[in-house]
N, C-alpha and C. Protein backbone atom coordinates (compact mmCIF):
# COMPACT_ATOMS: atom_id res chain seq x y z
N MET A 1 299.81 -8.65 11.38
CA MET A 1 300.82 -9.68 11.33
C MET A 1 301.78 -9.42 10.22
N MET A 2 303.02 -9.90 10.41
CA MET A 2 304.04 -9.64 9.43
C MET A 2 304.02 -10.73 8.36
N SER A 3 304.39 -10.43 7.14
CA SER A 3 304.58 -11.43 6.10
C SER A 3 305.99 -11.89 6.06
N ALA A 4 306.12 -13.07 5.42
CA ALA A 4 307.52 -13.58 5.34
C ALA A 4 307.74 -13.94 3.87
N LEU A 5 309.00 -14.22 3.51
CA LEU A 5 309.38 -14.62 2.20
C LEU A 5 309.30 -16.13 2.13
N GLY A 6 308.58 -16.63 1.11
CA GLY A 6 308.45 -18.07 0.92
C GLY A 6 309.76 -18.59 0.29
N ALA A 7 309.74 -19.90 0.02
CA ALA A 7 310.91 -20.64 -0.50
C ALA A 7 311.40 -20.07 -1.82
N ALA A 8 310.40 -19.61 -2.67
CA ALA A 8 310.75 -19.06 -3.93
C ALA A 8 311.02 -17.55 -3.92
N GLY A 9 311.14 -16.99 -2.73
CA GLY A 9 311.38 -15.58 -2.55
C GLY A 9 310.15 -14.70 -2.66
N GLU A 10 309.01 -15.36 -2.79
CA GLU A 10 307.77 -14.57 -2.91
C GLU A 10 307.31 -14.27 -1.54
N GLU A 11 306.53 -13.16 -1.38
CA GLU A 11 306.01 -12.81 -0.12
C GLU A 11 304.93 -13.84 0.29
N GLU A 12 304.98 -14.35 1.47
CA GLU A 12 304.07 -15.40 1.94
C GLU A 12 303.27 -14.81 3.14
N MET A 13 301.95 -14.73 2.99
CA MET A 13 301.06 -14.22 4.01
C MET A 13 300.67 -15.35 4.98
N PRO A 14 300.66 -15.11 6.28
CA PRO A 14 300.20 -16.19 7.22
C PRO A 14 298.75 -16.41 7.04
N PRO A 15 298.37 -17.70 7.25
CA PRO A 15 296.89 -18.02 7.16
C PRO A 15 296.18 -17.26 8.28
N PRO A 16 294.97 -16.76 7.89
CA PRO A 16 294.25 -15.95 8.88
C PRO A 16 293.65 -16.81 10.01
N ASP A 17 293.53 -16.22 11.14
CA ASP A 17 292.78 -16.80 12.31
C ASP A 17 293.29 -18.17 12.81
N LEU A 18 294.60 -18.36 12.83
CA LEU A 18 295.15 -19.56 13.38
C LEU A 18 294.99 -19.49 14.89
N CYS A 19 294.66 -20.63 15.48
CA CYS A 19 294.42 -20.63 16.92
C CYS A 19 295.83 -20.56 17.62
N HIS A 20 295.89 -19.81 18.66
CA HIS A 20 297.27 -19.72 19.43
C HIS A 20 297.43 -20.81 20.34
N THR A 21 296.42 -21.69 20.58
CA THR A 21 296.50 -22.80 21.40
C THR A 21 296.92 -24.09 20.71
N CYS A 22 296.24 -24.37 19.57
CA CYS A 22 296.46 -25.62 18.88
C CYS A 22 297.14 -25.43 17.49
N GLY A 23 297.20 -24.23 16.97
CA GLY A 23 297.85 -23.97 15.68
C GLY A 23 296.94 -24.25 14.43
N HIS A 24 295.71 -24.54 14.63
CA HIS A 24 294.82 -24.89 13.58
C HIS A 24 293.73 -23.76 13.38
N ARG A 25 293.02 -23.69 12.35
CA ARG A 25 292.03 -22.77 12.10
C ARG A 25 290.68 -23.41 12.55
N HIS A 26 289.97 -22.76 13.42
CA HIS A 26 288.63 -23.25 13.87
C HIS A 26 287.89 -22.07 14.55
N LEU A 27 286.61 -22.19 14.66
CA LEU A 27 285.87 -21.16 15.30
C LEU A 27 286.13 -21.20 16.83
N VAL A 28 285.95 -20.08 17.53
CA VAL A 28 286.22 -20.02 18.88
C VAL A 28 285.36 -21.02 19.69
N GLU A 29 284.16 -21.26 19.25
CA GLU A 29 283.30 -22.17 20.01
C GLU A 29 283.56 -23.62 19.64
N GLU A 30 284.47 -23.92 18.76
CA GLU A 30 284.79 -25.37 18.39
C GLU A 30 285.99 -25.77 19.13
N ASN A 31 286.15 -27.07 19.28
CA ASN A 31 287.27 -27.70 19.97
C ASN A 31 288.55 -27.45 19.25
N HIS A 32 289.60 -27.46 19.98
CA HIS A 32 291.01 -27.44 19.40
C HIS A 32 291.21 -28.71 18.67
N GLU A 33 292.16 -28.66 17.73
CA GLU A 33 292.40 -29.79 16.86
C GLU A 33 293.93 -30.15 17.11
N TYR A 34 294.23 -31.45 17.16
CA TYR A 34 295.54 -31.94 17.42
C TYR A 34 295.91 -33.06 16.40
N LEU A 35 297.18 -33.25 16.16
CA LEU A 35 297.66 -34.27 15.31
C LEU A 35 298.27 -35.38 16.16
N TYR A 36 297.53 -36.38 16.50
CA TYR A 36 297.99 -37.44 17.45
C TYR A 36 298.92 -38.37 16.77
N GLN A 37 299.97 -38.78 17.54
CA GLN A 37 300.96 -39.66 17.03
C GLN A 37 300.57 -41.10 16.95
N GLU A 38 299.68 -41.54 17.87
CA GLU A 38 299.21 -42.92 17.89
C GLU A 38 297.79 -43.01 18.02
N GLU A 39 297.19 -44.13 17.85
CA GLU A 39 295.67 -44.29 18.06
C GLU A 39 295.38 -44.03 19.50
N VAL A 40 294.30 -43.33 19.75
CA VAL A 40 293.87 -43.02 21.15
C VAL A 40 292.93 -44.03 21.63
N ASP A 41 293.07 -44.47 22.87
CA ASP A 41 292.16 -45.45 23.49
C ASP A 41 290.74 -44.95 23.41
N ASP A 42 289.83 -45.87 23.09
CA ASP A 42 288.37 -45.54 22.99
C ASP A 42 287.78 -44.86 24.22
N ASP A 43 288.34 -45.24 25.38
CA ASP A 43 287.82 -44.61 26.65
C ASP A 43 288.16 -43.15 26.76
N LEU A 44 289.04 -42.64 25.93
CA LEU A 44 289.44 -41.21 25.93
C LEU A 44 288.80 -40.47 24.74
N MET A 45 287.84 -41.11 24.06
CA MET A 45 287.19 -40.51 22.88
C MET A 45 285.85 -39.96 23.20
N CYS A 46 285.46 -38.89 22.61
CA CYS A 46 284.15 -38.31 22.68
C CYS A 46 283.19 -39.06 21.72
N HIS A 47 282.05 -39.49 22.20
CA HIS A 47 281.12 -40.17 21.33
C HIS A 47 280.23 -39.25 20.52
N ILE A 48 280.45 -37.95 20.57
CA ILE A 48 279.80 -37.01 19.70
C ILE A 48 280.66 -36.64 18.52
N CYS A 49 281.90 -36.12 18.79
CA CYS A 49 282.79 -35.72 17.70
C CYS A 49 283.71 -36.85 17.25
N LEU A 50 283.75 -37.91 17.99
CA LEU A 50 284.66 -39.08 17.67
C LEU A 50 286.08 -38.78 17.66
N GLN A 51 286.49 -37.73 18.46
CA GLN A 51 287.86 -37.33 18.60
C GLN A 51 288.28 -37.47 20.10
N PRO A 52 289.59 -37.41 20.40
CA PRO A 52 289.99 -37.47 21.82
C PRO A 52 289.35 -36.27 22.58
N LEU A 53 288.95 -36.54 23.80
CA LEU A 53 288.26 -35.58 24.57
C LEU A 53 289.04 -34.25 24.81
N ILE A 54 288.30 -33.17 24.70
CA ILE A 54 288.85 -31.83 24.95
C ILE A 54 287.93 -31.24 25.99
N GLN A 55 288.51 -30.83 27.17
CA GLN A 55 287.80 -30.33 28.37
C GLN A 55 286.65 -31.26 28.64
N PRO A 56 286.96 -32.59 29.11
CA PRO A 56 285.96 -33.58 29.28
C PRO A 56 284.96 -33.25 30.42
N ILE A 57 283.77 -33.69 30.21
CA ILE A 57 282.69 -33.51 31.17
C ILE A 57 281.91 -34.88 31.30
N ASP A 58 281.62 -35.21 32.57
CA ASP A 58 280.91 -36.47 32.84
C ASP A 58 279.41 -36.27 33.07
N THR A 59 278.67 -37.20 32.52
CA THR A 59 277.23 -37.13 32.73
C THR A 59 276.85 -38.00 34.01
N PRO A 60 275.68 -37.78 34.62
CA PRO A 60 275.30 -38.62 35.77
C PRO A 60 275.14 -40.04 35.37
N CYS A 61 274.92 -40.34 34.09
CA CYS A 61 274.69 -41.79 33.68
C CYS A 61 276.07 -42.41 33.28
N GLY A 62 277.15 -41.68 33.55
CA GLY A 62 278.51 -42.30 33.42
C GLY A 62 279.17 -42.19 32.02
N HIS A 63 278.74 -41.24 31.19
CA HIS A 63 279.42 -41.07 29.91
C HIS A 63 280.21 -39.80 29.94
N THR A 64 281.22 -39.73 29.08
CA THR A 64 282.10 -38.58 29.07
C THR A 64 282.14 -37.96 27.69
N TYR A 65 282.07 -36.64 27.57
CA TYR A 65 282.06 -36.00 26.31
C TYR A 65 282.92 -34.73 26.39
N CYS A 66 283.28 -34.16 25.28
CA CYS A 66 283.92 -32.81 25.29
C CYS A 66 282.84 -31.88 25.76
N THR A 67 283.25 -30.87 26.52
CA THR A 67 282.29 -29.89 26.99
C THR A 67 281.57 -29.15 25.86
N GLU A 68 282.33 -28.75 24.85
CA GLU A 68 281.71 -28.07 23.70
C GLU A 68 280.76 -28.95 22.99
N CYS A 69 281.09 -30.21 22.77
CA CYS A 69 280.30 -31.11 22.10
C CYS A 69 278.92 -31.31 22.75
N LEU A 70 279.03 -31.61 24.07
CA LEU A 70 277.78 -31.89 24.82
C LEU A 70 276.92 -30.64 24.93
N THR A 71 277.55 -29.52 25.12
CA THR A 71 276.83 -28.23 25.23
C THR A 71 276.02 -28.01 23.96
N SER A 72 276.70 -28.19 22.84
CA SER A 72 275.99 -28.03 21.51
C SER A 72 274.92 -29.04 21.29
N PHE A 73 275.20 -30.31 21.67
CA PHE A 73 274.14 -31.34 21.53
C PHE A 73 272.91 -31.00 22.35
N LEU A 74 273.10 -30.58 23.60
CA LEU A 74 272.02 -30.33 24.48
C LEU A 74 271.23 -29.05 24.18
N LEU A 75 271.69 -28.23 23.23
CA LEU A 75 270.91 -27.10 22.73
C LEU A 75 269.66 -27.58 21.96
N GLU A 76 269.76 -28.73 21.37
CA GLU A 76 268.62 -29.28 20.55
C GLU A 76 268.03 -30.53 21.14
N LYS A 77 268.68 -31.26 21.99
CA LYS A 77 268.27 -32.49 22.58
C LYS A 77 268.22 -32.38 24.07
N ASP A 78 267.57 -33.36 24.75
CA ASP A 78 267.56 -33.33 26.26
C ASP A 78 267.87 -34.67 26.78
N PHE A 79 268.73 -35.42 26.14
CA PHE A 79 269.13 -36.76 26.56
C PHE A 79 270.60 -37.06 26.25
N CYS A 80 271.06 -38.06 26.97
CA CYS A 80 272.47 -38.50 26.73
C CYS A 80 272.58 -39.12 25.32
N PRO A 81 273.58 -38.73 24.51
CA PRO A 81 273.78 -39.31 23.13
C PRO A 81 273.99 -40.78 23.08
N VAL A 82 274.55 -41.39 24.17
CA VAL A 82 274.84 -42.85 24.16
C VAL A 82 273.65 -43.66 24.62
N ASP A 83 273.06 -43.38 25.76
CA ASP A 83 271.98 -44.24 26.32
C ASP A 83 270.63 -43.57 26.27
N ARG A 84 270.58 -42.34 25.78
CA ARG A 84 269.29 -41.57 25.71
C ARG A 84 268.59 -41.28 27.00
N ALA A 85 269.40 -41.40 28.11
CA ALA A 85 268.79 -41.05 29.47
C ALA A 85 268.56 -39.52 29.49
N PRO A 86 267.49 -39.09 30.15
CA PRO A 86 267.26 -37.66 30.28
C PRO A 86 268.45 -36.96 30.84
N LEU A 87 268.78 -35.78 30.28
CA LEU A 87 270.02 -35.12 30.69
C LEU A 87 269.96 -33.62 30.60
N LEU A 88 270.43 -32.93 31.62
CA LEU A 88 270.59 -31.49 31.66
C LEU A 88 272.07 -31.15 31.94
N LEU A 89 272.60 -30.20 31.19
CA LEU A 89 273.98 -29.80 31.34
C LEU A 89 274.32 -29.49 32.78
N GLN A 90 273.45 -28.92 33.50
CA GLN A 90 273.69 -28.54 34.90
C GLN A 90 273.97 -29.75 35.88
N THR A 91 273.60 -30.93 35.41
CA THR A 91 273.76 -32.12 36.25
C THR A 91 275.06 -32.79 35.93
N CYS A 92 275.86 -32.24 34.95
CA CYS A 92 277.15 -32.84 34.54
C CYS A 92 278.22 -32.18 35.34
N LYS A 93 279.42 -32.88 35.43
CA LYS A 93 280.56 -32.33 36.20
C LYS A 93 281.82 -32.55 35.41
N LYS A 94 282.75 -31.72 35.72
CA LYS A 94 284.11 -31.86 35.10
C LYS A 94 284.66 -33.18 35.39
N SER A 95 285.31 -33.84 34.44
CA SER A 95 285.93 -35.14 34.60
C SER A 95 287.07 -35.15 35.61
N SER A 96 287.43 -36.29 36.12
CA SER A 96 288.47 -36.40 37.21
C SER A 96 289.83 -35.91 36.69
N ILE A 97 290.65 -35.62 37.67
CA ILE A 97 292.02 -35.21 37.37
C ILE A 97 292.71 -36.25 36.63
N LEU A 98 292.49 -37.50 36.99
CA LEU A 98 293.13 -38.61 36.22
C LEU A 98 292.80 -38.62 34.77
N VAL A 99 291.61 -38.34 34.33
CA VAL A 99 291.25 -38.28 32.92
C VAL A 99 291.99 -37.19 32.31
N HIS A 100 292.01 -36.00 32.93
CA HIS A 100 292.73 -34.88 32.42
C HIS A 100 294.22 -35.17 32.19
N LYS A 101 294.83 -35.84 33.15
CA LYS A 101 296.24 -36.17 33.08
C LYS A 101 296.53 -37.15 31.91
N LEU A 102 295.65 -38.16 31.76
CA LEU A 102 295.79 -39.11 30.57
C LEU A 102 295.72 -38.31 29.30
N LEU A 103 294.80 -37.43 29.15
CA LEU A 103 294.59 -36.66 27.95
C LEU A 103 295.82 -35.72 27.69
N ASP A 104 296.29 -35.10 28.78
CA ASP A 104 297.46 -34.16 28.65
C ASP A 104 298.69 -34.87 28.16
N LYS A 105 298.80 -36.20 28.45
CA LYS A 105 300.00 -36.96 28.14
C LYS A 105 299.95 -37.46 26.68
N LEU A 106 298.89 -37.41 26.01
CA LEU A 106 298.80 -37.89 24.62
C LEU A 106 299.87 -37.17 23.75
N GLU A 107 300.63 -37.95 22.98
CA GLU A 107 301.67 -37.38 22.12
C GLU A 107 301.06 -36.86 20.85
N ILE A 108 301.42 -35.66 20.51
CA ILE A 108 300.98 -35.02 19.33
C ILE A 108 302.17 -34.51 18.54
N SER A 109 301.97 -34.21 17.29
CA SER A 109 302.94 -33.54 16.44
C SER A 109 302.63 -32.06 16.34
N CYS A 110 303.65 -31.24 16.22
CA CYS A 110 303.39 -29.81 16.02
C CYS A 110 302.64 -29.59 14.69
N PRO A 111 301.68 -28.72 14.70
CA PRO A 111 300.84 -28.56 13.45
C PRO A 111 301.63 -27.83 12.36
N PHE A 112 302.81 -27.24 12.66
CA PHE A 112 303.58 -26.51 11.69
C PHE A 112 304.69 -27.38 11.16
N SER A 113 304.38 -28.52 10.65
CA SER A 113 305.30 -29.61 10.24
C SER A 113 306.32 -29.14 9.16
N GLU A 114 305.92 -28.19 8.36
CA GLU A 114 306.89 -27.77 7.30
C GLU A 114 308.10 -26.94 7.94
N TYR A 115 307.92 -26.48 9.16
CA TYR A 115 308.97 -25.79 9.81
C TYR A 115 309.43 -26.43 11.12
N CYS A 116 308.67 -27.35 11.69
CA CYS A 116 308.93 -27.89 13.00
C CYS A 116 308.55 -29.38 13.02
N THR A 117 309.39 -30.27 13.47
CA THR A 117 309.17 -31.71 13.48
C THR A 117 308.96 -32.23 14.90
N GLU A 118 308.77 -31.34 15.86
CA GLU A 118 308.71 -31.77 17.27
C GLU A 118 307.43 -32.49 17.56
N THR A 119 307.54 -33.57 18.41
CA THR A 119 306.41 -34.21 18.98
C THR A 119 306.49 -33.93 20.51
N LEU A 120 305.35 -33.86 21.10
CA LEU A 120 305.26 -33.41 22.51
C LEU A 120 303.97 -33.80 23.12
N PRO A 121 303.83 -33.83 24.41
CA PRO A 121 302.55 -34.12 25.07
C PRO A 121 301.56 -32.99 24.74
N ARG A 122 300.24 -33.32 24.64
CA ARG A 122 299.27 -32.37 24.25
C ARG A 122 299.24 -31.10 25.11
N SER A 123 299.47 -31.34 26.43
CA SER A 123 299.41 -30.25 27.39
C SER A 123 300.47 -29.20 27.14
N GLU A 124 301.59 -29.54 26.41
CA GLU A 124 302.73 -28.60 26.21
C GLU A 124 302.63 -27.84 24.83
N LEU A 125 301.60 -28.13 24.04
CA LEU A 125 301.58 -27.51 22.70
C LEU A 125 301.47 -26.01 22.77
N GLU A 126 300.54 -25.51 23.58
CA GLU A 126 300.37 -24.05 23.65
C GLU A 126 301.60 -23.29 23.98
N ALA A 127 302.36 -23.75 25.00
CA ALA A 127 303.64 -23.14 25.38
C ALA A 127 304.63 -23.27 24.23
N HIS A 128 304.67 -24.43 23.56
CA HIS A 128 305.55 -24.61 22.42
C HIS A 128 305.27 -23.63 21.36
N ILE A 129 304.00 -23.42 21.00
CA ILE A 129 303.62 -22.46 19.93
C ILE A 129 303.96 -21.06 20.36
N LYS A 130 303.74 -20.71 21.60
CA LYS A 130 303.99 -19.35 22.00
C LYS A 130 305.46 -18.99 22.23
N SER A 131 306.30 -20.00 22.54
CA SER A 131 307.65 -19.59 22.88
C SER A 131 308.86 -20.21 22.08
N ARG A 132 308.57 -21.37 21.48
CA ARG A 132 309.77 -21.98 20.85
C ARG A 132 309.58 -22.62 19.50
N CYS A 133 308.46 -22.53 18.90
CA CYS A 133 308.20 -23.18 17.68
C CYS A 133 308.55 -22.25 16.47
N LYS A 134 309.40 -22.77 15.62
CA LYS A 134 309.85 -21.98 14.43
C LYS A 134 308.68 -21.74 13.47
N GLY A 135 307.85 -22.67 13.33
CA GLY A 135 306.63 -22.57 12.50
C GLY A 135 305.68 -21.51 12.93
N ALA A 136 305.43 -21.55 14.25
CA ALA A 136 304.49 -20.57 14.83
C ALA A 136 305.08 -19.21 14.71
N SER A 137 306.37 -19.08 14.94
CA SER A 137 307.07 -17.80 14.71
C SER A 137 306.93 -17.30 13.31
N HIS A 138 307.03 -18.21 12.35
CA HIS A 138 306.94 -17.89 10.97
C HIS A 138 305.55 -17.22 10.62
N TYR A 139 304.54 -17.78 11.33
CA TYR A 139 303.20 -17.32 11.08
C TYR A 139 302.74 -16.20 12.08
N GLY A 140 303.69 -15.71 12.85
CA GLY A 140 303.37 -14.60 13.78
C GLY A 140 302.61 -15.01 15.00
N LEU A 141 302.68 -16.26 15.41
CA LEU A 141 301.88 -16.68 16.58
C LEU A 141 302.70 -16.74 17.85
N SER A 142 304.06 -16.54 17.74
CA SER A 142 304.84 -16.72 19.03
C SER A 142 304.80 -15.40 19.78
N VAL A 143 305.02 -15.48 21.10
CA VAL A 143 305.08 -14.36 21.97
C VAL A 143 306.31 -13.45 21.65
N ARG A 144 307.34 -14.05 21.12
CA ARG A 144 308.55 -13.29 20.81
C ARG A 144 308.31 -12.22 19.83
N ARG A 145 307.25 -12.40 19.01
CA ARG A 145 306.90 -11.34 18.01
C ARG A 145 305.90 -10.32 18.61
N GLY A 146 305.58 -10.50 19.87
CA GLY A 146 304.66 -9.59 20.51
C GLY A 146 303.15 -9.88 20.20
N VAL A 147 302.81 -10.99 19.76
CA VAL A 147 301.47 -11.24 19.40
C VAL A 147 300.80 -11.99 20.63
N CYS A 148 299.65 -11.53 21.04
CA CYS A 148 299.00 -12.07 22.17
C CYS A 148 298.19 -13.27 21.74
N GLY A 149 297.88 -14.25 22.66
CA GLY A 149 297.10 -15.42 22.32
C GLY A 149 295.58 -15.00 22.06
N ARG A 150 294.95 -15.75 21.23
CA ARG A 150 293.53 -15.48 20.93
C ARG A 150 292.66 -15.95 22.05
N PHE A 151 293.03 -16.93 22.85
CA PHE A 151 292.17 -17.52 23.76
C PHE A 151 292.62 -17.22 25.19
């Protein structure tokens, strides 16, 4: 990655391991992180991580969780975190298109707020980071610099 000159003219190194999808630092097996503009409806929240759902999955007993959260939970437990009904990951299914659309529409802020003040739907952040965000370009995350996405 290339370095850039900071405001004081000093060489500024980009933070290591920034996610090319959400712009934050997290492990590959962890959920993406977003800066939501408004409070998110409780029905769109994961009851494990207490954040808006990422890649939602429905249980047979009617609860919805982030796929990563439920997968991690079920490595040590064998029941639904809300009602404690017996649960196997294989019996769960991807949430409806409607749930995905509602989550995709949630308004978020660009994570590179010192260089970019844009707000946009959650579903558009990855494209924003890869092609038009000045902050992402500053940190070497944009496609224009020839850097491929991590995910």
